Every structure is written in C-alpha cells, then in structure tokens.
C-alpha atoms as a PDB file:
ATOM      1  CA  MET A   1      16.378  -9.447   6.906  1.00  0.00           C
ATOM      2  CA  GLY A   2      14.629 -12.594   5.718  1.00  0.00           C
ATOM      3  CA  ILE A   3      10.924 -13.078   4.907  1.00  0.00           C
ATOM      4  CA  ILE A   4       9.555 -15.492   8.160  1.00  0.00           C
ATOM      5  CA  ALA A   5       5.815 -17.270   7.464  1.00  0.00           C
ATOM      6  CA  GLY A   6       3.083 -16.792   9.468  1.00  0.00           C
ATOM      7  CA  SER A   7       0.984 -18.654  11.508  1.00  0.00           C
ATOM      8  CA  ARG A   8      -1.546 -19.532   8.298  1.00  0.00           C
ATOM      9  CA  LEU A   9      -0.571 -22.547   6.462  1.00  0.00           C
ATOM     10  CA  ARG A  10      -2.349 -23.240   3.384  1.00  0.00           C
ATOM     11  CA  GLY A  11      -2.200 -26.973   2.945  1.00  0.00           C
ATOM     12  CA  VAL A  12      -2.658 -28.384  -0.536  1.00  0.00           C
ATOM     13  CA  LEU A  13      -4.893 -24.872  -1.077  1.00  0.00           C
ATOM     14  CA  LYS A  14      -2.213 -22.781  -3.303  1.00  0.00           C
ATOM     15  CA  GLU A  15      -3.565 -19.032  -4.912  1.00  0.00           C
ATOM     16  CA  PRO A  16      -1.115 -16.372  -6.116  1.00  0.00           C
ATOM     17  CA  ASN A  17       0.101 -14.055  -3.328  1.00  0.00           C
ATOM     18  CA  PHE A  18       2.061 -11.578  -5.279  1.00  0.00           C
ATOM     19  CA  PHE A  19       0.494  -9.427  -7.547  1.00  0.00           C
ATOM     20  CA  ILE A  20       2.971  -6.860  -9.399  1.00  0.00           C
ATOM     21  CA  GLY A  21       1.528  -4.424 -12.191  1.00  0.00           C
ATOM     22  CA  GLY A  22       2.762  -3.550 -15.523  1.00  0.00           C
ATOM     23  CA  VAL A  23       5.909  -5.289 -15.953  1.00  0.00           C
ATOM     24  CA  GLY A  24       5.069  -8.415 -17.775  1.00  0.00           C
ATOM     25  CA  ASP A  25       6.757  -8.144 -20.461  1.00  0.00           C
ATOM     26  CA  GLU A  26      10.142  -7.696 -18.705  1.00  0.00           C
ATOM     27  CA  MET A  27       9.196 -10.398 -15.568  1.00  0.00           C
ATOM     28  CA  SER A  28       8.491 -12.535 -18.074  1.00  0.00           C
ATOM     29  CA  ASN A  29       9.329 -16.095 -16.406  1.00  0.00           C
ATOM     30  CA  THR A  30       9.907 -16.955 -13.224  1.00  0.00           C
ATOM     31  CA  SER A  31      13.924 -16.557 -13.774  1.00  0.00           C
ATOM     32  CA  GLU A  32      13.098 -12.855 -13.578  1.00  0.00           C
ATOM     33  CA  VAL A  33      10.762 -12.973 -10.284  1.00  0.00           C
ATOM     34  CA  ALA A  34      13.855 -15.320  -8.836  1.00  0.00           C
ATOM     35  CA  ALA A  35      16.040 -12.271  -9.802  1.00  0.00           C
ATOM     36  CA  MET A  36      14.531 -10.386  -7.868  1.00  0.00           C
ATOM     37  CA  CYS A  37      14.644 -12.029  -4.618  1.00  0.00           C
ATOM     38  CA  ASP A  38      17.810 -13.641  -2.647  1.00  0.00           C
ATOM     39  CA  GLY A  39      16.677 -16.970  -1.567  1.00  0.00           C
ATOM     40  CA  LEU A  40      14.463 -17.962  -4.193  1.00  0.00           C
ATOM     41  CA  SER A  41      14.939 -20.290  -6.930  1.00  0.00           C
ATOM     42  CA  ILE A  42      12.358 -20.700  -9.825  1.00  0.00           C
ATOM     43  CA  ASN A  43      11.564 -23.658  -8.296  1.00  0.00           C
ATOM     44  CA  ASP A  44       9.915 -21.783  -5.776  1.00  0.00           C
ATOM     45  CA  ILE A  45       7.971 -19.897  -7.690  1.00  0.00           C
ATOM     46  CA  GLU A  46       4.350 -21.782  -8.481  1.00  0.00           C
ATOM     47  CA  LEU A  47       0.913 -20.403 -10.707  1.00  0.00           C
ATOM     48  CA  TYR A  48       3.469 -17.575 -12.508  1.00  0.00           C
ATOM     49  CA  SER A  49       1.289 -16.143 -15.386  1.00  0.00           C
ATOM     50  CA  VAL A  50       0.623 -12.702 -17.032  1.00  0.00           C
ATOM     51  CA  ASP A  51      -2.499 -11.065 -18.127  1.00  0.00           C
ATOM     52  CA  SER A  52      -2.972  -9.133 -21.133  1.00  0.00           C
ATOM     53  CA  GLN A  53      -2.625  -5.360 -19.542  1.00  0.00           C
ATOM     54  CA  LYS A  54       1.158  -7.062 -18.891  1.00  0.00           C
ATOM     55  CA  ASN A  55       0.628  -7.670 -14.499  1.00  0.00           C
ATOM     56  CA  ILE A  56       1.973 -10.612 -13.276  1.00  0.00           C
ATOM     57  CA  LYS A  57       1.191 -12.487 -10.266  1.00  0.00           C
ATOM     58  CA  PHE A  58       2.495 -16.072  -8.814  1.00  0.00           C
ATOM     59  CA  TYR A  59       2.809 -17.982  -5.470  1.00  0.00           C
ATOM     60  CA  VAL A  60       5.240 -18.130  -2.875  1.00  0.00           C
ATOM     61  CA  ASP A  61       5.252 -20.870   0.274  1.00  0.00           C
ATOM     62  CA  PRO A  62       4.970 -18.443   3.479  1.00  0.00           C
ATOM     63  CA  LEU A  63       7.661 -20.865   4.892  1.00  0.00           C
ATOM     64  CA  LYS A  64      10.420 -19.934   2.334  1.00  0.00           C
ATOM     65  CA  ASP A  65      12.378 -17.606   3.893  1.00  0.00           C
ATOM     66  CA  PHE A  66      13.979 -14.939   1.563  1.00  0.00           C
ATOM     67  CA  THR A  67      14.530 -11.306   0.579  1.00  0.00           C
ATOM     68  CA  LEU A  68      14.059  -8.880  -1.768  1.00  0.00           C
ATOM     69  CA  SER A  69      17.228  -8.415  -3.355  1.00  0.00           C
ATOM     70  CA  ALA A  70      19.727  -5.467  -1.960  1.00  0.00           C
ATOM     71  CA  SER A  71      22.879  -7.224  -3.568  1.00  0.00           C
ATOM     72  CA  TYR A  72      21.537  -6.362  -6.922  1.00  0.00           C
ATOM     73  CA  PHE A  73      22.453  -2.930  -7.097  1.00  0.00           C
ATOM     74  CA  SER A  74      25.944  -3.769  -6.874  1.00  0.00           C
ATOM     75  CA  GLN A  75      25.929  -4.270 -10.431  1.00  0.00           C
ATOM     76  CA  TYR A  76      25.168  -0.645 -11.085  1.00  0.00           C
ATOM     77  CA  SER A  77      26.111   2.730 -10.369  1.00  0.00           C
ATOM     78  CA  GLY A  78      24.271   6.128  -9.278  1.00  0.00           C
ATOM     79  CA  GLN A  79      20.565   6.179  -7.594  1.00  0.00           C
ATOM     80  CA  SER A  80      18.563   4.056  -9.400  1.00  0.00           C
ATOM     81  CA  GLY A  81      16.003   1.009  -8.260  1.00  0.00           C
ATOM     82  CA  TYR A  82      15.651  -2.314  -9.303  1.00  0.00           C
ATOM     83  CA  TRP A  83      12.892  -0.969 -11.935  1.00  0.00           C
ATOM     84  CA  TYR A  84      14.637   1.600 -12.956  1.00  0.00           C
ATOM     85  CA  ALA A  85      18.012  -0.150 -13.131  1.00  0.00           C
ATOM     86  CA  LYS A  86      16.762  -2.665 -15.082  1.00  0.00           C
ATOM     87  CA  GLY A  87      15.566  -0.359 -18.306  1.00  0.00           C
ATOM     88  CA  TRP A  88      12.388  -1.246 -17.320  1.00  0.00           C
ATOM     89  CA  GLY A  89      11.312   2.584 -17.438  1.00  0.00           C
ATOM     90  CA  GLN A  90       7.857   3.734 -15.633  1.00  0.00           C
ATOM     91  CA  LYS A  91       5.975   0.657 -16.435  1.00  0.00           C
ATOM     92  CA  LEU A  92       5.644  -0.344 -12.757  1.00  0.00           C
ATOM     93  CA  THR A  93       1.999   0.766 -11.442  1.00  0.00           C
ATOM     94  CA  TYR A  94       1.261  -1.847  -8.395  1.00  0.00           C
ATOM     95  CA  PHE A  95       3.495  -4.404  -5.248  1.00  0.00           C
ATOM     96  CA  ILE A  96       0.724  -6.097  -3.388  1.00  0.00           C
ATOM     97  CA  ASP A  97       2.458  -8.635  -0.941  1.00  0.00           C
ATOM     98  CA  LYS A  98      -1.150 -10.602  -0.151  1.00  0.00           C
ATOM     99  CA  ASP A  99       0.531 -12.073   2.601  1.00  0.00           C
ATOM    100  CA  ASN A 100       2.570  -9.736   4.201  1.00  0.00           C
ATOM    101  CA  LEU A 101       5.914 -12.000   3.833  1.00  0.00           C
ATOM    102  CA  ILE A 102       8.488  -8.931   2.733  1.00  0.00           C
ATOM    103  CA  LYS A 103       9.875  -7.322   5.705  1.00  0.00           C
ATOM    104  CA  THR A 104      12.893  -5.234   4.120  1.00  0.00           C
ATOM    105  CA  VAL A 105      12.475  -2.441   1.225  1.00  0.00           C
ATOM    106  CA  PRO A 106      15.788  -2.112  -0.183  1.00  0.00           C
ATOM    107  CA  LEU A 107      17.886   0.831  -0.908  1.00  0.00           C
ATOM    108  CA  THR A 108      16.037   2.745  -3.824  1.00  0.00           C
ATOM    109  CA  PHE A 109      13.898  -0.505  -4.955  1.00  0.00           C
ATOM    110  CA  PHE A 110      10.953   1.669  -6.013  1.00  0.00           C
ATOM    111  CA  MET A 111      13.123   4.652  -6.997  1.00  0.00           C
ATOM    112  CA  GLN A 112      11.708   6.522 -10.047  1.00  0.00           C
ATOM    113  CA  GLN A 113       8.824   4.075 -10.960  1.00  0.00           C
ATOM    114  CA  ARG A 114       6.332   7.257 -11.364  1.00  0.00           C
ATOM    115  CA  ASN A 115       3.112   5.218 -12.338  1.00  0.00           C
ATOM    116  CA  LEU A 116       3.454   3.119  -9.192  1.00  0.00           C
ATOM    117  CA  ASN A 117       0.329   4.201  -7.454  1.00  0.00           C
ATOM    118  CA  PHE A 118      -0.648   1.767  -4.928  1.00  0.00           C
ATOM    119  CA  ILE A 119       1.476  -1.321  -2.849  1.00  0.00           C
ATOM    120  CA  LYS A 120       0.805  -3.691  -0.572  1.00  0.00           C
ATOM    121  CA  LEU A 121       3.596  -4.108   1.842  1.00  0.00           C
ATOM    122  CA  GLU A 122       2.021  -4.216   5.458  1.00  0.00           C
ATOM    123  CA  GLY A 123       4.508  -6.759   7.001  1.00  0.00           C
ATOM    124  CA  SER A 124       7.343  -5.040   6.125  1.00  0.00           C
ATOM    125  CA  THR A 125       9.738  -3.445   9.359  1.00  0.00           C
ATOM    126  CA  THR A 126      12.235  -1.811   7.407  1.00  0.00           C
ATOM    127  CA  HIS A 127      12.428   0.588   4.718  1.00  0.00           C
ATOM    128  CA  GLU A 128      16.129   1.924   3.525  1.00  0.00           C
ATOM    129  CA  GLN A 129      17.029   4.629   1.449  1.00  0.00           C
ATOM    130  CA  ARG A 130      15.483   6.126  -1.316  1.00  0.00           C
ATOM    131  CA  SER A 131      13.302   3.274  -1.094  1.00  0.00           C
ATOM    132  CA  PHE A 132       9.972   4.730  -2.245  1.00  0.00           C
ATOM    133  CA  GLN A 133      11.009   8.047  -3.929  1.00  0.00           C
ATOM    134  CA  ASP A 134       9.374   9.580  -6.689  1.00  0.00           C
ATOM    135  CA  VAL A 135       6.631   7.538  -7.291  1.00  0.00           C
ATOM    136  CA  ALA A 136       2.526   7.960  -6.910  1.00  0.00           C
ATOM    137  CA  ILE A 137       1.169   6.086  -3.984  1.00  0.00           C
ATOM    138  CA  LYS A 138      -1.517   8.569  -2.036  1.00  0.00           C
ATOM    139  CA  ASN A 139      -1.953   5.863   0.917  1.00  0.00           C
ATOM    140  CA  TYR A 140       1.447   4.085   2.964  1.00  0.00           C
ATOM    141  CA  ARG A 141       0.122   2.011   5.470  1.00  0.00           C
ATOM    142  CA  PHE A 142       3.046   0.095   7.743  1.00  0.00           C
ATOM    143  CA  PRO A 143       2.062  -1.383  10.348  1.00  0.00           C
ATOM    144  CA  ASN A 144       4.961  -2.889  11.220  1.00  0.00           C
ATOM    145  CA  LEU A 145       7.739  -0.987  10.452  1.00  0.00           C
ATOM    146  CA  ASN A 146       9.870   0.173  13.266  1.00  0.00           C
ATOM    147  CA  ASP A 147      13.425   0.992  11.569  1.00  0.00           C
ATOM    148  CA  LEU A 148      13.896   3.990   9.309  1.00  0.00           C
ATOM    149  CA  ASN A 149      17.317   5.601  10.125  1.00  0.00           C
ATOM    150  CA  VAL A 150      17.639   6.806   7.091  1.00  0.00           C
ATOM    151  CA  PHE A 151      17.142   9.914   4.472  1.00  0.00           C
ATOM    152  CA  GLN A 152      15.145  10.779   1.914  1.00  0.00           C
ATOM    153  CA  THR A 153      12.920   7.328   1.797  1.00  0.00           C
ATOM    154  CA  TYR A 154       9.858   8.885   0.387  1.00  0.00           C
ATOM    155  CA  ARG A 155      11.116  12.107  -0.900  1.00  0.00           C
ATOM    156  CA  VAL A 156       9.398  13.686  -3.859  1.00  0.00           C
ATOM    157  CA  SER A 157       5.507  12.148  -3.294  1.00  0.00           C
ATOM    158  CA  PRO A 158       3.384  15.288  -3.423  1.00  0.00           C
ATOM    159  CA  PHE A 159       0.625  12.818  -3.952  1.00  0.00           C
ATOM    160  CA  MET A 160       0.969  11.538  -0.280  1.00  0.00           C
ATOM    161  CA  GLU A 161      -2.170  11.506   1.085  1.00  0.00           C
ATOM    162  CA  ARG A 162      -1.486   9.443   4.624  1.00  0.00           C
ATOM    163  CA  PHE A 163       1.148   8.534   6.351  1.00  0.00           C
ATOM    164  CA  TYR A 164       0.696   5.510   8.790  1.00  0.00           C
ATOM    165  CA  ALA A 165       3.528   4.163  10.723  1.00  0.00           C
ATOM    166  CA  PRO A 166       2.325   4.016  14.770  1.00  0.00           C
ATOM    167  CA  LEU A 167       5.475   1.661  15.178  1.00  0.00           C
ATOM    168  CA  LEU A 168       7.774   4.039  14.109  1.00  0.00           C
ATOM    169  CA  ASN A 169      10.168   6.105  17.448  1.00  0.00           C
ATOM    170  CA  GLN A 170      12.568   7.742  15.905  1.00  0.00           C
ATOM    171  CA  TRP A 171      11.634   8.899  12.074  1.00  0.00           C
ATOM    172  CA  GLY A 172      15.154   9.696   9.807  1.00  0.00           C
ATOM    173  CA  GLN A 173      18.367   9.731  10.755  1.00  0.00           C
ATOM    174  CA  THR A 174      18.284  11.900  13.733  1.00  0.00           C
ATOM    175  CA  THR A 175      14.752  13.336  15.825  1.00  0.00           C
ATOM    176  CA  GLY A 176      15.103  16.577  14.685  1.00  0.00           C
ATOM    177  CA  PHE A 177      16.058  16.009  10.803  1.00  0.00           C
ATOM    178  CA  ASP A 178      13.135  16.984   8.379  1.00  0.00           C
ATOM    179  CA  GLN A 179      14.785  15.175   4.950  1.00  0.00           C
ATOM    180  CA  LEU A 180      12.623  11.883   4.988  1.00  0.00           C
ATOM    181  CA  PHE A 181       9.957  13.420   2.895  1.00  0.00           C
ATOM    182  CA  ALA A 182      11.620  16.205   1.619  1.00  0.00           C
ATOM    183  CA  GLN A 183       9.326  17.914  -0.173  1.00  0.00           C
ATOM    184  CA  ASN A 184       9.590  20.670  -2.689  1.00  0.00           C
ATOM    185  CA  ASP A 185       6.573  20.990  -4.410  1.00  0.00           C
ATOM    186  CA  PRO A 186       3.353  21.203  -2.285  1.00  0.00           C
ATOM    187  CA  TYR A 187       1.335  18.110  -1.360  1.00  0.00           C
ATOM    188  CA  VAL A 188      -2.066  17.847  -3.635  1.00  0.00           C
ATOM    189  CA  ASN A 189      -4.334  16.702  -0.925  1.00  0.00           C
ATOM    190  CA  PRO A 190      -2.814  16.140   2.497  1.00  0.00           C
ATOM    191  CA  LYS A 191      -4.516  14.503   4.904  1.00  0.00           C
ATOM    192  CA  LYS A 192      -2.947  12.496   8.249  1.00  0.00           C
ATOM    193  CA  VAL A 193       0.053  11.546   9.603  1.00  0.00           C
ATOM    194  CA  TYR A 194      -0.583   8.582  12.388  1.00  0.00           C
ATOM    195  CA  TYR A 195       2.726   8.360  14.830  1.00  0.00           C
ATOM    196  CA  ASN A 196       3.007   7.053  18.276  1.00  0.00           C
ATOM    197  CA  GLN A 197       3.930   9.263  21.945  1.00  0.00           C
ATOM    198  CA  VAL A 198       7.204   8.024  21.445  1.00  0.00           C
ATOM    199  CA  ALA A 199       7.713   9.844  18.037  1.00  0.00           C
ATOM    200  CA  SER A 200       5.154  12.643  19.209  1.00  0.00           C
ATOM    201  CA  THR A 201       7.675  13.854  22.442  1.00  0.00           C
ATOM    202  CA  ILE A 202      11.176  12.283  20.852  1.00  0.00           C
ATOM    203  CA  ASP A 203      12.784  15.818  20.183  1.00  0.00           C
ATOM    204  CA  SER A 204      13.206  17.823  23.126  1.00  0.00           C
ATOM    205  CA  GLY A 205       9.768  17.172  24.135  1.00  0.00           C
ATOM    206  CA  ASN A 206       8.260  18.257  20.692  1.00  0.00           C
ATOM    207  CA  PRO A 207       7.471  15.889  17.468  1.00  0.00           C
ATOM    208  CA  ASP A 208      10.130  14.068  15.281  1.00  0.00           C
ATOM    209  CA  GLY A 209      11.428  16.419  12.814  1.00  0.00           C
ATOM    210  CA  ASP A 210       9.751  14.647   9.797  1.00  0.00           C
ATOM    211  CA  ILE A 211       6.778  14.531  11.224  1.00  0.00           C
ATOM    212  CA  VAL A 212       7.031  18.449  12.265  1.00  0.00           C
ATOM    213  CA  SER A 213       7.639  18.686   8.379  1.00  0.00           C
ATOM    214  CA  LEU A 214       4.749  16.887   7.493  1.00  0.00           C
ATOM    215  CA  THR A 215       2.169  19.024   9.759  1.00  0.00           C
ATOM    216  CA  SER A 216       3.599  21.944   8.460  1.00  0.00           C
ATOM    217  CA  LYS A 217       2.389  21.048   5.082  1.00  0.00           C
ATOM    218  CA  GLY A 218      -1.054  20.368   5.467  1.00  0.00           C
ATOM    219  CA  PHE A 219      -0.943  17.403   7.676  1.00  0.00           C
ATOM    220  CA  GLN A 220      -2.935  16.559  10.104  1.00  0.00           C
ATOM    221  CA  GLY A 221      -1.062  14.563  12.613  1.00  0.00           C
ATOM    222  CA  VAL A 222      -2.603  11.809  14.779  1.00  0.00           C
ATOM    223  CA  ILE A 223      -1.807   9.145  17.621  1.00  0.00           C
ATOM    224  CA  PRO A 224      -3.534   6.041  17.487  1.00  0.00           C
ATOM    225  CA  GLN A 225      -4.468   5.071  21.084  1.00  0.00           C
ATOM    226  CA  ASN A 226      -5.122   1.633  20.222  1.00  0.00           C
ATOM    227  CA  THR A 227      -5.828  -1.004  17.125  1.00  0.00           C
ATOM    228  CA  ILE A 228      -9.092  -2.169  17.459  1.00  0.00           C
ATOM    229  CA  LYS A 229     -10.951  -2.518  13.886  1.00  0.00           C
ATOM    230  CA  PRO A 230     -14.189  -0.799  13.402  1.00  0.00           C
ATOM    231  CA  ASN A 231     -17.493  -2.845  13.091  1.00  0.00           C
ATOM    232  CA  LYS A 232     -18.586  -3.601   9.707  1.00  0.00           C
ATOM    233  CA  VAL A 233     -20.379  -1.683   7.379  1.00  0.00           C
ATOM    234  CA  THR A 234     -23.592  -3.699   6.675  1.00  0.00           C
ATOM    235  CA  ASN A 235     -26.963  -2.836   4.058  1.00  0.00           C
ATOM    236  CA  ILE A 236     -24.539  -2.212   0.778  1.00  0.00           C
ATOM    237  CA  VAL A 237     -27.768  -0.939  -1.418  1.00  0.00           C
ATOM    238  CA  LEU A 238     -27.771   0.329  -5.063  1.00  0.00           C
ATOM    239  CA  SER A 239     -29.706   3.059  -7.293  1.00  0.00           C
ATOM    240  CA  ASN A 240     -29.990   4.476 -10.025  1.00  0.00           C
ATOM    241  CA  ILE A 241     -27.571   2.157 -11.903  1.00  0.00           C
ATOM    242  CA  GLY A 242     -27.270   4.090 -15.516  1.00  0.00           C
ATOM    243  CA  THR A 243     -24.712   3.526 -17.983  1.00  0.00           C
ATOM    244  CA  ASN A 244     -21.197   4.644 -16.559  1.00  0.00           C
ATOM    245  CA  SER A 245     -22.744   5.580 -12.972  1.00  0.00           C
ATOM    246  CA  VAL A 246     -24.201   3.711 -10.222  1.00  0.00           C
ATOM    247  CA  ASP A 247     -25.371   5.423  -6.433  1.00  0.00           C
ATOM    248  CA  ILE A 248     -24.321   3.598  -3.317  1.00  0.00           C
ATOM    249  CA  SER A 249     -25.341   3.651   0.030  1.00  0.00           C
ATOM    250  CA  PHE A 250     -25.137   1.895   3.353  1.00  0.00           C
ATOM    251  CA  ASP A 251     -26.002   1.313   6.937  1.00  0.00           C
ATOM    252  CA  ALA A 252     -22.502   3.218   8.952  1.00  0.00           C
ATOM    253  CA  PRO A 253     -21.620   1.074  11.394  1.00  0.00           C
ATOM    254  CA  THR A 254     -22.610   1.735  15.390  1.00  0.00           C
ATOM    255  CA  GLY A 255     -21.117   0.481  18.592  1.00  0.00           C
ATOM    256  CA  SER A 256     -17.315   0.802  17.645  1.00  0.00           C
ATOM    257  CA  GLU A 257     -14.509   1.467  19.936  1.00  0.00           C
ATOM    258  CA  ASN A 258     -13.515   4.741  17.642  1.00  0.00           C
ATOM    259  CA  THR A 259     -15.210   7.100  16.010  1.00  0.00           C
ATOM    260  CA  ILE A 260     -15.426   6.429  11.946  1.00  0.00           C
ATOM    261  CA  ASP A 261     -13.387   8.886  10.246  1.00  0.00           C
ATOM    262  CA  PHE A 262     -14.014   7.668   6.665  1.00  0.00           C
ATOM    263  CA  TYR A 263     -15.169   4.504   4.230  1.00  0.00           C
ATOM    264  CA  GLU A 264     -12.668   3.401   1.392  1.00  0.00           C
ATOM    265  CA  ILE A 265     -14.974   2.069  -1.565  1.00  0.00           C
ATOM    266  CA  PHE A 266     -14.034  -0.883  -3.398  1.00  0.00           C
ATOM    267  CA  LEU A 267     -15.153  -1.560  -6.885  1.00  0.00           C
ATOM    268  CA  ILE A 268     -14.311  -4.895  -7.823  1.00  0.00           C
ATOM    269  CA  ASP A 269     -14.143  -5.836 -11.471  1.00  0.00           C
ATOM    270  CA  GLY A 270     -12.285  -8.984 -11.787  1.00  0.00           C
ATOM    271  CA  SER A 271      -8.956  -7.434 -11.669  1.00  0.00           C
ATOM    272  CA  ASP A 272      -6.705  -8.416  -9.316  1.00  0.00           C
ATOM    273  CA  LEU A 273      -5.378  -4.898  -7.919  1.00  0.00           C
ATOM    274  CA  ASN A 274      -9.225  -3.771  -7.430  1.00  0.00           C
ATOM    275  CA  ASN A 275      -9.179  -6.653  -4.679  1.00  0.00           C
ATOM    276  CA  PHE A 276      -6.811  -4.920  -2.820  1.00  0.00           C
ATOM    277  CA  LYS A 277      -7.700  -1.193  -4.077  1.00  0.00           C
ATOM    278  CA  PRO A 278      -9.893   1.090  -2.840  1.00  0.00           C
ATOM    279  CA  ILE A 279     -11.535   3.478  -5.526  1.00  0.00           C
ATOM    280  CA  THR A 280     -12.259   6.027  -3.585  1.00  0.00           C
ATOM    281  CA  GLU A 281     -12.922   7.446  -0.200  1.00  0.00           C
ATOM    282  CA  SER A 282     -16.041   8.884   1.319  1.00  0.00           C
ATOM    283  CA  THR A 283     -16.661  10.727   4.430  1.00  0.00           C
ATOM    284  CA  THR A 284     -20.142  10.065   3.848  1.00  0.00           C
ATOM    285  CA  ASN A 285     -22.557   6.896   3.508  1.00  0.00           C
ATOM    286  CA  SER A 286     -24.063   7.889   0.356  1.00  0.00           C
ATOM    287  CA  LEU A 287     -22.031   8.716  -2.372  1.00  0.00           C
ATOM    288  CA  THR A 288     -22.350   8.369  -6.455  1.00  0.00           C
ATOM    289  CA  LEU A 289     -19.488   6.203  -8.241  1.00  0.00           C
ATOM    290  CA  SER A 290     -19.079   7.453 -11.855  1.00  0.00           C
ATOM    291  CA  GLY A 291     -16.546   6.737 -14.816  1.00  0.00           C
ATOM    292  CA  LEU A 292     -17.621   3.068 -15.427  1.00  0.00           C
ATOM    293  CA  GLU A 293     -18.018   0.755 -18.331  1.00  0.00           C
ATOM    294  CA  SER A 294     -21.269   0.245 -20.119  1.00  0.00           C
ATOM    295  CA  GLY A 295     -22.627  -3.639 -19.992  1.00  0.00           C
ATOM    296  CA  ARG A 296     -20.131  -4.708 -17.392  1.00  0.00           C
ATOM    297  CA  ASN A 297     -20.587  -6.341 -13.985  1.00  0.00           C
ATOM    298  CA  TYR A 298     -19.013  -4.817 -11.021  1.00  0.00           C
ATOM    299  CA  LEU A 299     -19.160  -5.762  -7.229  1.00  0.00           C
ATOM    300  CA  ILE A 300     -19.064  -3.186  -4.184  1.00  0.00           C
ATOM    301  CA  LYS A 301     -17.290  -3.728  -1.303  1.00  0.00           C
ATOM    302  CA  VAL A 302     -17.196  -0.757   1.467  1.00  0.00           C
ATOM    303  CA  LYS A 303     -14.563  -0.837   4.643  1.00  0.00           C
ATOM    304  CA  ALA A 304     -14.908   1.723   7.445  1.00  0.00           C
ATOM    305  CA  ALA A 305     -12.009   3.344   8.727  1.00  0.00           C
ATOM    306  CA  ASP A 306     -11.967   5.268  12.184  1.00  0.00           C
ATOM    307  CA  ILE A 307     -10.035   8.233  12.959  1.00  0.00           C
ATOM    308  CA  TYR A 308      -6.749   6.300  14.210  1.00  0.00           C
ATOM    309  CA  PHE A 309      -6.714   4.201  10.278  1.00  0.00           C
ATOM    310  CA  ASN A 310      -7.790   1.192  11.644  1.00  0.00           C
ATOM    311  CA  LEU A 311      -9.857  -0.847   9.155  1.00  0.00           C
ATOM    312  CA  SER A 312     -13.079  -3.166   9.557  1.00  0.00           C
ATOM    313  CA  ASP A 313     -13.029  -6.268   8.044  1.00  0.00           C
ATOM    314  CA  PHE A 314     -15.848  -7.065   4.618  1.00  0.00           C
ATOM    315  CA  GLU A 315     -19.039  -8.307   5.483  1.00  0.00           C
ATOM    316  CA  THR A 316     -21.519  -7.585   2.725  1.00  0.00           C
ATOM    317  CA  SER A 317     -21.410  -6.919  -1.027  1.00  0.00           C
ATOM    318  CA  GLN A 318     -23.899  -6.290  -3.778  1.00  0.00           C
ATOM    319  CA  SER A 319     -23.266  -7.093  -7.380  1.00  0.00           C
ATOM    320  CA  PHE A 320     -24.485  -5.258 -10.556  1.00  0.00           C
ATOM    321  CA  THR A 321     -24.393  -4.511 -13.982  1.00  0.00           C
ATOM    322  CA  THR A 322     -24.198  -0.828 -15.688  1.00  0.00           C
ATOM    323  CA  GLN A 323     -26.859  -0.634 -18.498  1.00  0.00           C
END
C-alpha cells in the first residue's frame, strides 16, 4: 500500500517532515534513506541533515507515492528488521512521520531496536508480523490502523502503557488468538487499551483474544464513543524556577465533550523529538518537573487527553530559563 498525500499542500514552503533518531552515522546520506523506501530516489529527499546526536531529518513531498521497503528483507535470512539486519545495532531511538504519510509498517521493520522509545505513525493502516517486536515504546496511538491479521507484532513490549486502535475490528490472526503481544514478563505500568464495539464482542460475544490477554495483565479496556477533541489547556503558570526544576500549573479545560483523563506535558528544549514527545503525563493540573539542565531555556506546552485518548490542541505556552 502506497503513501497518498493528504489534502494539505505546502506550496513553496518546505520543512522537514521525517525525523529519525540515533542512526546518523549509518544513514549518513540520501542514498541510505532512499534504500529504506520503495518509490523514493535520492532526488526526492530534500532538506537532509544530521545533528550532533546523530539524529536525521528530511523532507518528502506529500504528493509522492512511496512505501517503506518490504522487499529489502529478501536479502537477509532469519528474523531481523531493517535496522537490525543492516548491522546498526540498537541505535534507533525515535521515528516520526510528521504528516502521517506512511500507511504500512513492513515485516519486522523495527524489530529488536530496544532503544526505540517513541514513534509517530498515526497514518499507518497496516502493521505486519513482528514489526514492533522488542522495543521500548510506551504509547501506541494508531487512529487509522484497520488491518492486523498477523501475530507477535508487538511481542516482548513490557514498557507499553497504552494501545489505541479504535478502527481495528479483529486483533491478530483469529478472534480467539492471544499472541499479538505475547508478553512473558509483566508489564511495567499497564494503563489502557482502546478498542471498538465490534472488537469487544467479536469472539462469540466476548472481546477479541488479544484484548483479553491485555486486560488480564492489568490493562483497562476502553471503548471510545467519539473522536471529539477536548478543549485546550489555558493559563500555564510557572513558579519556583530553580537550577534543575520548575513548578507548573494550568487551568483545566472546561466544557469538553468527554471527561479529561490526564495531561501530556511537553518540555521543548530545541530538539526535534521534544516537539512531538511529551516528557511526562499528569493526572492533575499542577506538578513539578525536575532533572532539568542549569542555565537552559525551555518552553512548556500541555495537551489534555480525555477518557477516550482524544488529544486537545496546544493553546498557550510558557518559556523559562533555569538558574
């Protein structure tokens, strides 16, 4: 399945829309990026750069039709993903598709990248077998995922806290199958699994077997009733700014369609990753952030998440400099 452009056109303004962490030494040029994808040539990859932490970013025209390469794996034997098979060890730390262009994650693509702790692939509709096996991702948010007729895709993922797939009717190979997550070790901090009404009754009136597997291991099952965003957080106030910490408070949104569940706190420090990845979650509208660097400028942003994992937009932000 290819990547089809969305309705938003950039015109003459271009900015990076892919961000990949930690593999700048190995993916050091546009030829390596093109090798990762079918349908891309080096001329299709623009604004390519590598920072001092070996994170890369680049721009691909949203009108370009391409996929992550599945045929690549025919060059290798055994169970090994793209990064693992290339001999790049466990360097990959994040993979962000800003414009939701990627529709399919191929077989074993991210397998055994144990430092991979964040992804943004919300446009993906299909994940193949073991494509996320043995990684450290906490939140899997796949609002468009509708095809998962495979097994052990998220195997050995003890750090998973939330799994959101409200369009997915059948989880795994069969309705009674329970090997999609295949977790032997206990989950570190299980929170919620989000699924639809079909998945909740598809197994002879019972939830899909993979959902049962998660709920039996501490996850709370949630059936989202809508996709209406919460209202925005306002009036962010910072206080007690120290050398390594800051106190944060803000006004909880009122008048939202659904009850607010928690907040995602973003600490923007100039890195590309922190524009997308929250530093923490909070169930209250006041908290202390610690572990900051002395004499550094930061920007705080907050998103509200409701009980169905609908996320608000950003409304306000506040900047500060530690002492």
